[in-house]
C-alpha atoms as a PDB file:
ATOM      1  CA  MET A   1     -35.744 -16.999  -5.574  1.00  0.00           C
ATOM      2  CA  THR A   2     -34.392 -13.918  -3.786  1.00  0.00           C
ATOM      3  CA  VAL A   3     -36.195 -10.586  -3.784  1.00  0.00           C
ATOM      4  CA  GLU A   4     -33.450  -9.250  -6.045  1.00  0.00           C
ATOM      5  CA  ASP A   5     -33.941 -12.096  -8.522  1.00  0.00           C
ATOM      6  CA  ARG A   6     -37.734 -11.737  -8.480  1.00  0.00           C
ATOM      7  CA  MET A   7     -37.564  -7.948  -8.951  1.00  0.00           C
ATOM      8  CA  ARG A   8     -35.061  -8.331 -11.787  1.00  0.00           C
ATOM      9  CA  ALA A   9     -37.341 -10.850 -13.509  1.00  0.00           C
ATOM     10  CA  PHE A  10     -40.354  -8.556 -13.070  1.00  0.00           C
ATOM     11  CA  ILE A  11     -38.481  -5.567 -14.494  1.00  0.00           C
ATOM     12  CA  LEU A  12     -37.239  -7.581 -17.470  1.00  0.00           C
ATOM     13  CA  GLU A  13     -40.768  -8.874 -18.132  1.00  0.00           C
ATOM     14  CA  THR A  14     -42.470  -5.499 -17.706  1.00  0.00           C
ATOM     15  CA  PHE A  15     -40.104  -2.843 -19.067  1.00  0.00           C
ATOM     16  CA  TYR A  16     -37.922  -2.548 -22.146  1.00  0.00           C
ATOM     17  CA  VAL A  17     -34.339  -3.336 -21.122  1.00  0.00           C
ATOM     18  CA  SER A  18     -31.976  -3.212 -24.094  1.00  0.00           C
ATOM     19  CA  ASP A  19     -29.114  -4.935 -22.245  1.00  0.00           C
ATOM     20  CA  PRO A  20     -30.240  -7.172 -19.358  1.00  0.00           C
ATOM     21  CA  GLY A  21     -26.611  -7.442 -18.247  1.00  0.00           C
ATOM     22  CA  GLU A  22     -26.705  -3.787 -17.206  1.00  0.00           C
ATOM     23  CA  LEU A  23     -29.576  -4.407 -14.765  1.00  0.00           C
ATOM     24  CA  THR A  24     -27.455  -4.713 -11.625  1.00  0.00           C
ATOM     25  CA  ASP A  25     -28.687  -4.459  -8.051  1.00  0.00           C
ATOM     26  CA  GLU A  26     -27.323  -0.909  -7.798  1.00  0.00           C
ATOM     27  CA  LEU A  27     -28.442   0.547 -11.141  1.00  0.00           C
ATOM     28  CA  SER A  28     -30.786   3.504 -10.621  1.00  0.00           C
ATOM     29  CA  LEU A  29     -34.041   2.488 -12.270  1.00  0.00           C
ATOM     30  CA  ILE A  30     -35.111   6.124 -12.704  1.00  0.00           C
ATOM     31  CA  ASP A  31     -31.795   7.754 -13.654  1.00  0.00           C
ATOM     32  CA  SER A  32     -31.085   5.000 -16.190  1.00  0.00           C
ATOM     33  CA  GLY A  33     -34.430   5.662 -17.870  1.00  0.00           C
ATOM     34  CA  LEU A  34     -35.670   2.102 -17.397  1.00  0.00           C
ATOM     35  CA  VAL A  35     -38.593   3.163 -15.230  1.00  0.00           C
ATOM     36  CA  ASP A  36     -40.616   6.380 -15.249  1.00  0.00           C
ATOM     37  CA  SER A  37     -43.122   7.560 -12.634  1.00  0.00           C
ATOM     38  CA  THR A  38     -45.909   5.394 -14.056  1.00  0.00           C
ATOM     39  CA  GLY A  39     -43.549   2.424 -14.125  1.00  0.00           C
ATOM     40  CA  MET A  40     -42.710   3.030 -10.485  1.00  0.00           C
ATOM     41  CA  LEU A  41     -46.400   2.626  -9.705  1.00  0.00           C
ATOM     42  CA  ASP A  42     -46.262  -0.759 -11.449  1.00  0.00           C
ATOM     43  CA  ILE A  43     -43.300  -1.730  -9.266  1.00  0.00           C
ATOM     44  CA  ILE A  44     -45.104  -0.625  -6.110  1.00  0.00           C
ATOM     45  CA  LEU A  45     -48.210  -2.616  -7.047  1.00  0.00           C
ATOM     46  CA  PHE A  46     -46.028  -5.637  -7.772  1.00  0.00           C
ATOM     47  CA  ILE A  47     -44.258  -5.349  -4.398  1.00  0.00           C
ATOM     48  CA  GLU A  48     -47.576  -5.066  -2.570  1.00  0.00           C
ATOM     49  CA  GLY A  49     -49.079  -8.055  -4.368  1.00  0.00           C
ATOM     50  CA  GLU A  50     -46.009 -10.264  -4.377  1.00  0.00           C
ATOM     51  CA  TYR A  51     -44.963  -9.713  -0.765  1.00  0.00           C
ATOM     52  CA  GLY A  52     -48.277  -8.827   0.908  1.00  0.00           C
ATOM     53  CA  ILE A  53     -47.044  -5.508   2.237  1.00  0.00           C
ATOM     54  CA  ARG A  54     -48.421  -1.983   1.965  1.00  0.00           C
ATOM     55  CA  VAL A  55     -46.142   0.702   0.536  1.00  0.00           C
ATOM     56  CA  GLU A  56     -47.164   3.939   2.212  1.00  0.00           C
ATOM     57  CA  ASP A  57     -46.961   7.245   0.334  1.00  0.00           C
ATOM     58  CA  THR A  58     -44.221   8.402   2.714  1.00  0.00           C
ATOM     59  CA  GLU A  59     -42.171   5.315   1.794  1.00  0.00           C
ATOM     60  CA  THR A  60     -42.080   6.033  -1.955  1.00  0.00           C
ATOM     61  CA  ILE A  61     -38.647   7.625  -1.777  1.00  0.00           C
ATOM     62  CA  PRO A  62     -35.385   6.842  -3.603  1.00  0.00           C
ATOM     63  CA  GLU A  63     -33.872   5.367  -0.432  1.00  0.00           C
ATOM     64  CA  ASN A  64     -36.470   2.565  -0.653  1.00  0.00           C
ATOM     65  CA  LEU A  65     -37.208   2.151  -4.345  1.00  0.00           C
ATOM     66  CA  GLU A  66     -34.413   3.539  -6.542  1.00  0.00           C
ATOM     67  CA  THR A  67     -32.522   0.296  -7.180  1.00  0.00           C
ATOM     68  CA  ILE A  68     -33.202  -3.426  -7.022  1.00  0.00           C
ATOM     69  CA  GLY A  69     -30.913  -3.624  -3.982  1.00  0.00           C
ATOM     70  CA  ARG A  70     -32.803  -0.873  -2.168  1.00  0.00           C
ATOM     71  CA  ILE A  71     -36.137  -2.486  -3.027  1.00  0.00           C
ATOM     72  CA  ALA A  72     -34.888  -5.793  -1.570  1.00  0.00           C
ATOM     73  CA  GLY A  73     -33.812  -4.061   1.635  1.00  0.00           C
ATOM     74  CA  PHE A  74     -37.144  -2.261   1.873  1.00  0.00           C
ATOM     75  CA  VAL A  75     -39.098  -5.503   1.382  1.00  0.00           C
ATOM     76  CA  ALA A  76     -36.952  -7.213   4.034  1.00  0.00           C
ATOM     77  CA  ARG A  77     -37.646  -4.409   6.531  1.00  0.00           C
ATOM     78  CA  LYS A  78     -41.374  -4.340   5.811  1.00  0.00           C
ATOM     79  CA  THR A  79     -41.813  -8.104   6.029  1.00  0.00           C
ATOM     80  CA  ALA A  80     -39.799  -8.213   9.280  1.00  0.00           C
ATOM     81  CA  ASP A  81     -42.009  -5.447  10.719  1.00  0.00           C
ATOM     82  CA  ALA A  82     -45.123  -7.387   9.738  1.00  0.00           C
ATOM     83  CA  ALA A  83     -43.921 -10.602  11.382  1.00  0.00           C
END
């Protein structure tokens, strides 16, 4: 399962998504209203637990966490750095 697939499954399991078909890799999780600031903390905790990486405070920016695609890229960078 890809990071994108795993994140999509987590979001669908954790948050109310009225139309799962709209949950694309590039949909803004915040702007769409799917995830609020507390929900973003849930996503960060999931990323840390699922992929064994630490998300630093300075890394909690839209460029890393706004969309499923950006989260996947962030996880790829962090896991490559850790290797």
